[in-house]
Amino acid sequence: MSVEVSEGEIVALVGANGAGKTTLLKVISGLLGSTKGTITFLGQKIDKIAPEEIVKLGIAQVPEGRRVFPDSTVLTNLEMGAYIRKDTKEVKKDIEKYFEIFPILFERRNMPASLLSGGEQQMLVIVRALMSRPKLLLLDEPSMGLAPQLVNEIFKIIKNLNSEGISIFLVEQNIKKSLKIAQRGYVLETGKVSLQGLSQELLESDEIRKVYLGENQI
């Protein structure tokens, strides 16, 4: 497959379960090794670099399934997100900034992350990734298992992050919502890109509407 995210874009990678979406993100992050092909970020090859070095270069991944550090407090989870940074004062400023943006996390700051609701945990893992000050954010199924109202909130957060200059590679099963906030999209089927293009074009595609959105052809 060949995919690309340009600076300042939201690019959606959509498809059914088992298509290989999460695997692709793990390969980009260095969590899984690649056997062939190349991955480049800002002109540098990263397919043979350790995951922690990839984070230092400016890529952060929000994993599928809201993987918080359950026994640690909300505050400690955020501090863990900044583990590569040495600018202690700036880390503190970032925590204060995100507590203002997400007041519920401030209210829960001394609470174990395991006691947060699903939506609160999703906010926490997104902000934890932001603590590394990434240039590119990899989001893996951020709406999974959330109530519809919370899903809308998460997509609003994603759009706001992009407006602040963060490029986003968004993996989602919620095809309609993800393509509505993305500039471009790829459809993945069993490890291969079957469709790609501008998001609006994909939303209007008969194949997308019939196979993925359950809509009949007009």
C-alpha atoms as a PDB file:
ATOM      1  CA  MET A   1       0.000   0.000   0.000  1.00  0.00           C
ATOM      2  CA  SER A   2       0.995   3.613  -0.399  1.00  0.00           C
ATOM      3  CA  VAL A   3      -0.461   6.310   1.859  1.00  0.00           C
ATOM      4  CA  GLU A   4       0.539   9.878   2.567  1.00  0.00           C
ATOM      5  CA  VAL A   5      -0.348  12.559   5.105  1.00  0.00           C
ATOM      6  CA  SER A   6       0.633  16.104   4.207  1.00  0.00           C
ATOM      7  CA  GLU A   7       1.383  18.759   6.782  1.00  0.00           C
ATOM      8  CA  GLY A   8      -1.790  20.222   8.280  1.00  0.00           C
ATOM      9  CA  GLU A   9      -4.093  17.502   6.967  1.00  0.00           C
ATOM     10  CA  ILE A  10      -6.563  15.130   8.532  1.00  0.00           C
ATOM     11  CA  VAL A  11      -6.390  11.927   6.517  1.00  0.00           C
ATOM     12  CA  ALA A  12      -8.850   9.127   7.279  1.00  0.00           C
ATOM     13  CA  LEU A  13      -8.015   5.451   6.901  1.00  0.00           C
ATOM     14  CA  VAL A  14     -11.266   3.515   6.929  1.00  0.00           C
ATOM     15  CA  GLY A  15     -12.361  -0.058   6.426  1.00  0.00           C
ATOM     16  CA  ALA A  16     -13.826  -3.115   8.061  1.00  0.00           C
ATOM     17  CA  ASN A  17     -12.431  -5.100  10.990  1.00  0.00           C
ATOM     18  CA  GLY A  18      -9.353  -7.068  10.030  1.00  0.00           C
ATOM     19  CA  ALA A  19      -8.433  -4.865   7.078  1.00  0.00           C
ATOM     20  CA  GLY A  20      -5.052  -4.009   8.609  1.00  0.00           C
ATOM     21  CA  LYS A  21      -5.667  -0.475   9.865  1.00  0.00           C
ATOM     22  CA  THR A  22      -4.235  -0.944  13.361  1.00  0.00           C
ATOM     23  CA  THR A  23      -1.352  -2.986  12.003  1.00  0.00           C
ATOM     24  CA  LEU A  24      -0.386  -0.109   9.703  1.00  0.00           C
ATOM     25  CA  LEU A  25      -0.346   2.364  12.601  1.00  0.00           C
ATOM     26  CA  LYS A  26       1.798   0.023  14.680  1.00  0.00           C
ATOM     27  CA  VAL A  27       4.288  -0.289  11.830  1.00  0.00           C
ATOM     28  CA  ILE A  28       4.461   3.512  11.468  1.00  0.00           C
ATOM     29  CA  SER A  29       5.042   3.835  15.230  1.00  0.00           C
ATOM     30  CA  GLY A  30       7.749   1.170  15.226  1.00  0.00           C
ATOM     31  CA  LEU A  31       5.745  -1.205  17.405  1.00  0.00           C
ATOM     32  CA  LEU A  32       5.770  -3.755  14.579  1.00  0.00           C
ATOM     33  CA  GLY A  33       8.639  -4.266  12.179  1.00  0.00           C
ATOM     34  CA  SER A  34       8.185  -3.899   8.446  1.00  0.00           C
ATOM     35  CA  THR A  35       9.581  -6.555   6.100  1.00  0.00           C
ATOM     36  CA  LYS A  36       9.716  -4.389   2.993  1.00  0.00           C
ATOM     37  CA  GLY A  37       8.914  -0.928   1.758  1.00  0.00           C
ATOM     38  CA  THR A  38       9.848   2.365   3.384  1.00  0.00           C
ATOM     39  CA  ILE A  39       8.259   4.812   5.817  1.00  0.00           C
ATOM     40  CA  THR A  40       9.426   8.403   5.762  1.00  0.00           C
ATOM     41  CA  PHE A  41       8.608  11.303   8.047  1.00  0.00           C
ATOM     42  CA  LEU A  42       9.699  14.835   7.173  1.00  0.00           C
ATOM     43  CA  GLY A  43      12.161  13.397   4.679  1.00  0.00           C
ATOM     44  CA  GLN A  44      13.738  10.903   7.085  1.00  0.00           C
ATOM     45  CA  LYS A  45      13.405   7.128   6.872  1.00  0.00           C
ATOM     46  CA  ILE A  46      11.921   5.811  10.111  1.00  0.00           C
ATOM     47  CA  ASP A  47      11.085   2.177   9.353  1.00  0.00           C
ATOM     48  CA  LYS A  48      14.173   0.909  11.219  1.00  0.00           C
ATOM     49  CA  ILE A  49      13.975   3.318  14.175  1.00  0.00           C
ATOM     50  CA  ALA A  50      12.941   2.366  17.728  1.00  0.00           C
ATOM     51  CA  PRO A  51       9.462   3.510  18.860  1.00  0.00           C
ATOM     52  CA  GLU A  52      10.787   5.964  21.448  1.00  0.00           C
ATOM     53  CA  GLU A  53      12.952   7.627  18.803  1.00  0.00           C
ATOM     54  CA  ILE A  54       9.943   7.942  16.509  1.00  0.00           C
ATOM     55  CA  VAL A  55       8.096   9.759  19.309  1.00  0.00           C
ATOM     56  CA  LYS A  56      11.055  12.121  19.673  1.00  0.00           C
ATOM     57  CA  LEU A  57      10.856  12.891  15.948  1.00  0.00           C
ATOM     58  CA  GLY A  58       7.267  14.063  16.393  1.00  0.00           C
ATOM     59  CA  ILE A  59       4.879  11.130  15.929  1.00  0.00           C
ATOM     60  CA  ALA A  60       2.521  10.090  18.735  1.00  0.00           C
ATOM     61  CA  GLN A  61      -0.053   7.312  18.644  1.00  0.00           C
ATOM     62  CA  VAL A  62      -3.333   7.131  20.538  1.00  0.00           C
ATOM     63  CA  PRO A  63      -3.908   3.372  20.794  1.00  0.00           C
ATOM     64  CA  GLU A  64      -7.139   1.537  20.219  1.00  0.00           C
ATOM     65  CA  GLY A  65      -9.115   0.675  23.343  1.00  0.00           C
ATOM     66  CA  ARG A  66      -8.312   3.674  25.605  1.00  0.00           C
ATOM     67  CA  ARG A  67      -5.144   2.190  27.091  1.00  0.00           C
ATOM     68  CA  VAL A  68      -4.604   4.343  30.138  1.00  0.00           C
ATOM     69  CA  PHE A  69      -2.211   3.495  32.951  1.00  0.00           C
ATOM     70  CA  PRO A  70      -5.111   2.322  35.126  1.00  0.00           C
ATOM     71  CA  ASP A  71      -3.577   2.511  38.602  1.00  0.00           C
ATOM     72  CA  SER A  72      -1.899   5.875  38.029  1.00  0.00           C
ATOM     73  CA  THR A  73      -3.672   9.182  38.472  1.00  0.00           C
ATOM     74  CA  VAL A  74      -4.825  11.330  35.586  1.00  0.00           C
ATOM     75  CA  LEU A  75      -1.971  13.736  36.330  1.00  0.00           C
ATOM     76  CA  THR A  76       0.631  10.956  36.293  1.00  0.00           C
ATOM     77  CA  ASN A  77      -0.745   9.664  32.986  1.00  0.00           C
ATOM     78  CA  LEU A  78      -0.190  13.104  31.468  1.00  0.00           C
ATOM     79  CA  GLU A  79       3.310  13.352  32.917  1.00  0.00           C
ATOM     80  CA  MET A  80       4.091   9.958  31.376  1.00  0.00           C
ATOM     81  CA  GLY A  81       3.097  11.368  27.995  1.00  0.00           C
ATOM     82  CA  ALA A  82       5.890  13.935  28.347  1.00  0.00           C
ATOM     83  CA  TYR A  83       8.589  11.420  29.299  1.00  0.00           C
ATOM     84  CA  ILE A  84      10.799  12.353  26.319  1.00  0.00           C
ATOM     85  CA  ARG A  85      10.835  16.027  27.307  1.00  0.00           C
ATOM     86  CA  LYS A  86      13.325  17.753  29.606  1.00  0.00           C
ATOM     87  CA  ASP A  87      11.644  21.178  29.695  1.00  0.00           C
ATOM     88  CA  THR A  88       9.922  20.697  33.050  1.00  0.00           C
ATOM     89  CA  LYS A  89       8.419  24.183  33.204  1.00  0.00           C
ATOM     90  CA  GLU A  90       6.944  23.875  29.720  1.00  0.00           C
ATOM     91  CA  VAL A  91       5.532  20.439  30.564  1.00  0.00           C
ATOM     92  CA  LYS A  92       3.771  21.987  33.541  1.00  0.00           C
ATOM     93  CA  LYS A  93       2.398  24.774  31.321  1.00  0.00           C
ATOM     94  CA  ASP A  94       1.089  22.227  28.830  1.00  0.00           C
ATOM     95  CA  ILE A  95      -0.653  20.280  31.583  1.00  0.00           C
ATOM     96  CA  GLU A  96      -2.271  23.482  32.830  1.00  0.00           C
ATOM     97  CA  LYS A  97      -3.314  24.370  29.257  1.00  0.00           C
ATOM     98  CA  TYR A  98      -4.981  21.021  28.672  1.00  0.00           C
ATOM     99  CA  PHE A  99      -6.657  21.115  32.066  1.00  0.00           C
ATOM    100  CA  GLU A 100      -8.257  24.391  30.949  1.00  0.00           C
ATOM    101  CA  ILE A 101      -9.358  22.858  27.646  1.00  0.00           C
ATOM    102  CA  PHE A 102     -10.574  19.651  29.333  1.00  0.00           C
ATOM    103  CA  PRO A 103     -11.860  20.764  32.758  1.00  0.00           C
ATOM    104  CA  ILE A 104     -13.180  17.277  33.541  1.00  0.00           C
ATOM    105  CA  LEU A 105      -9.591  16.011  33.533  1.00  0.00           C
ATOM    106  CA  PHE A 106      -8.637  18.747  35.983  1.00  0.00           C
ATOM    107  CA  GLU A 107     -11.488  17.683  38.250  1.00  0.00           C
ATOM    108  CA  ARG A 108     -10.274  14.070  38.042  1.00  0.00           C
ATOM    109  CA  ARG A 109      -6.544  14.863  38.160  1.00  0.00           C
ATOM    110  CA  ASN A 110      -5.885  12.940  41.404  1.00  0.00           C
ATOM    111  CA  MET A 111      -8.170  10.031  40.531  1.00  0.00           C
ATOM    112  CA  PRO A 112      -6.874   6.683  39.202  1.00  0.00           C
ATOM    113  CA  ALA A 113      -7.432   6.564  35.461  1.00  0.00           C
ATOM    114  CA  SER A 114      -9.279   3.257  35.794  1.00  0.00           C
ATOM    115  CA  LEU A 115     -12.159   5.080  37.498  1.00  0.00           C
ATOM    116  CA  LEU A 116     -12.799   7.458  34.615  1.00  0.00           C
ATOM    117  CA  SER A 117     -15.703   6.915  32.246  1.00  0.00           C
ATOM    118  CA  GLY A 118     -15.009   5.674  28.718  1.00  0.00           C
ATOM    119  CA  GLY A 119     -15.256   9.154  27.254  1.00  0.00           C
ATOM    120  CA  GLU A 120     -13.000  10.617  29.938  1.00  0.00           C
ATOM    121  CA  GLN A 121     -10.419   7.903  29.336  1.00  0.00           C
ATOM    122  CA  GLN A 122     -10.467   8.667  25.615  1.00  0.00           C
ATOM    123  CA  MET A 123      -9.844  12.344  26.333  1.00  0.00           C
ATOM    124  CA  LEU A 124      -7.006  11.342  28.659  1.00  0.00           C
ATOM    125  CA  VAL A 125      -5.173   9.167  26.122  1.00  0.00           C
ATOM    126  CA  ILE A 126      -5.479  11.879  23.466  1.00  0.00           C
ATOM    127  CA  VAL A 127      -4.081  14.530  25.794  1.00  0.00           C
ATOM    128  CA  ARG A 128      -1.370  12.122  26.998  1.00  0.00           C
ATOM    129  CA  ALA A 129      -0.221  11.783  23.383  1.00  0.00           C
ATOM    130  CA  LEU A 130      -0.307  15.559  22.945  1.00  0.00           C
ATOM    131  CA  MET A 131       2.076  15.966  25.885  1.00  0.00           C
ATOM    132  CA  SER A 132       4.943  14.894  23.608  1.00  0.00           C
ATOM    133  CA  ARG A 133       4.092  17.880  21.353  1.00  0.00           C
ATOM    134  CA  PRO A 134       3.686  15.760  18.205  1.00  0.00           C
ATOM    135  CA  LYS A 135       3.681  17.037  14.648  1.00  0.00           C
ATOM    136  CA  LEU A 136       1.681  13.988  13.543  1.00  0.00           C
ATOM    137  CA  LEU A 137      -0.980  12.305  15.670  1.00  0.00           C
ATOM    138  CA  LEU A 138      -2.017   8.733  14.884  1.00  0.00           C
ATOM    139  CA  LEU A 139      -5.529   8.049  16.176  1.00  0.00           C
ATOM    140  CA  ASP A 140      -6.720   4.443  16.316  1.00  0.00           C
ATOM    141  CA  GLU A 141     -10.510   4.060  16.584  1.00  0.00           C
ATOM    142  CA  PRO A 142     -11.038   7.022  18.968  1.00  0.00           C
ATOM    143  CA  SER A 143     -14.845   6.660  18.884  1.00  0.00           C
ATOM    144  CA  MET A 144     -14.966   2.931  19.614  1.00  0.00           C
ATOM    145  CA  GLY A 145     -17.437   1.981  22.343  1.00  0.00           C
ATOM    146  CA  LEU A 146     -18.549   5.526  23.088  1.00  0.00           C
ATOM    147  CA  ALA A 147     -22.107   6.815  23.310  1.00  0.00           C
ATOM    148  CA  PRO A 148     -23.230   8.882  20.272  1.00  0.00           C
ATOM    149  CA  GLN A 149     -23.007  12.193  22.152  1.00  0.00           C
ATOM    150  CA  LEU A 150     -19.433  11.428  23.230  1.00  0.00           C
ATOM    151  CA  VAL A 151     -18.543  10.350  19.705  1.00  0.00           C
ATOM    152  CA  ASN A 152     -19.540  13.804  18.464  1.00  0.00           C
ATOM    153  CA  GLU A 153     -17.406  15.392  21.186  1.00  0.00           C
ATOM    154  CA  ILE A 154     -14.347  13.320  20.267  1.00  0.00           C
ATOM    155  CA  PHE A 155     -14.636  14.246  16.582  1.00  0.00           C
ATOM    156  CA  LYS A 156     -14.969  17.901  17.551  1.00  0.00           C
ATOM    157  CA  ILE A 157     -11.758  17.590  19.599  1.00  0.00           C
ATOM    158  CA  ILE A 158      -9.961  16.022  16.632  1.00  0.00           C
ATOM    159  CA  LYS A 159     -11.017  18.856  14.344  1.00  0.00           C
ATOM    160  CA  ASN A 160      -9.887  21.472  16.882  1.00  0.00           C
ATOM    161  CA  LEU A 161      -6.480  19.804  17.256  1.00  0.00           C
ATOM    162  CA  ASN A 162      -6.016  19.937  13.506  1.00  0.00           C
ATOM    163  CA  SER A 163      -6.920  23.626  13.454  1.00  0.00           C
ATOM    164  CA  GLU A 164      -4.027  24.170  15.872  1.00  0.00           C
ATOM    165  CA  GLY A 165      -1.588  22.785  13.311  1.00  0.00           C
ATOM    166  CA  ILE A 166      -1.361  19.088  14.200  1.00  0.00           C
ATOM    167  CA  SER A 167      -1.484  16.695  11.266  1.00  0.00           C
ATOM    168  CA  ILE A 168      -3.729  13.702  11.951  1.00  0.00           C
ATOM    169  CA  PHE A 169      -3.891  10.186  10.531  1.00  0.00           C
ATOM    170  CA  LEU A 170      -7.275   8.921  11.664  1.00  0.00           C
ATOM    171  CA  VAL A 171      -8.169   5.218  11.683  1.00  0.00           C
ATOM    172  CA  GLU A 172     -11.899   4.701  12.106  1.00  0.00           C
ATOM    173  CA  GLN A 173     -14.753   2.284  11.479  1.00  0.00           C
ATOM    174  CA  ASN A 174     -17.157   5.224  11.675  1.00  0.00           C
ATOM    175  CA  ILE A 175     -16.631   6.014   8.026  1.00  0.00           C
ATOM    176  CA  LYS A 176     -19.175   8.799   7.597  1.00  0.00           C
ATOM    177  CA  LYS A 177     -18.017  10.875  10.578  1.00  0.00           C
ATOM    178  CA  SER A 178     -14.325  10.412   9.870  1.00  0.00           C
ATOM    179  CA  LEU A 179     -14.611  11.388   6.200  1.00  0.00           C
ATOM    180  CA  LYS A 180     -16.688  14.437   7.129  1.00  0.00           C
ATOM    181  CA  ILE A 181     -13.805  15.934   9.139  1.00  0.00           C
ATOM    182  CA  ALA A 182     -10.938  14.697   6.930  1.00  0.00           C
ATOM    183  CA  GLN A 183      -9.604  16.337   3.790  1.00  0.00           C
ATOM    184  CA  ARG A 184      -8.693  13.023   2.148  1.00  0.00           C
ATOM    185  CA  GLY A 185      -9.292   9.354   2.784  1.00  0.00           C
ATOM    186  CA  TYR A 186      -8.129   5.835   2.005  1.00  0.00           C
ATOM    187  CA  VAL A 187     -10.271   2.700   2.091  1.00  0.00           C
ATOM    188  CA  LEU A 188      -8.347  -0.376   3.215  1.00  0.00           C
ATOM    189  CA  GLU A 189      -9.392  -3.918   2.334  1.00  0.00           C
ATOM    190  CA  THR A 190      -7.294  -6.860   3.595  1.00  0.00           C
ATOM    191  CA  GLY A 191      -4.046  -4.915   3.559  1.00  0.00           C
ATOM    192  CA  LYS A 192      -4.590  -3.097   0.276  1.00  0.00           C
ATOM    193  CA  VAL A 193      -5.892   0.372  -0.558  1.00  0.00           C
ATOM    194  CA  SER A 194      -9.008  -0.200  -2.645  1.00  0.00           C
ATOM    195  CA  LEU A 195     -10.149   3.427  -2.907  1.00  0.00           C
ATOM    196  CA  GLN A 196      -8.600   6.810  -2.221  1.00  0.00           C
ATOM    197  CA  GLY A 197      -9.423  10.422  -2.864  1.00  0.00           C
ATOM    198  CA  LEU A 198     -10.919  13.583  -1.465  1.00  0.00           C
ATOM    199  CA  SER A 199     -13.253  12.843   1.421  1.00  0.00           C
ATOM    200  CA  GLN A 200     -16.308  14.314  -0.263  1.00  0.00           C
ATOM    201  CA  GLU A 201     -15.683  12.194  -3.352  1.00  0.00           C
ATOM    202  CA  LEU A 202     -15.471   9.057  -1.228  1.00  0.00           C
ATOM    203  CA  LEU A 203     -18.667   9.953   0.631  1.00  0.00           C
ATOM    204  CA  GLU A 204     -20.450  10.302  -2.700  1.00  0.00           C
ATOM    205  CA  SER A 205     -19.019   7.044  -4.070  1.00  0.00           C
ATOM    206  CA  ASP A 206     -21.655   4.399  -4.799  1.00  0.00           C
ATOM    207  CA  GLU A 207     -19.330   1.680  -3.530  1.00  0.00           C
ATOM    208  CA  ILE A 208     -18.758   3.419  -0.196  1.00  0.00           C
ATOM    209  CA  ARG A 209     -22.461   4.124   0.234  1.00  0.00           C
ATOM    210  CA  LYS A 210     -23.559   0.568  -0.530  1.00  0.00           C
ATOM    211  CA  VAL A 211     -20.781  -1.470   1.080  1.00  0.00           C
ATOM    212  CA  TYR A 212     -19.835   0.652   4.086  1.00  0.00           C
ATOM    213  CA  LEU A 213     -22.695   3.038   4.776  1.00  0.00           C
ATOM    214  CA  GLY A 214     -25.549   0.635   4.019  1.00  0.00           C
ATOM    215  CA  GLU A 215     -27.211   3.068   1.652  1.00  0.00           C
ATOM    216  CA  ASN A 216     -28.845   2.087  -1.629  1.00  0.00           C
ATOM    217  CA  GLN A 217     -27.704   3.604  -4.872  1.00  0.00           C
ATOM    218  CA  ILE A 218     -29.820   6.547  -6.000  1.00  0.00           C
END
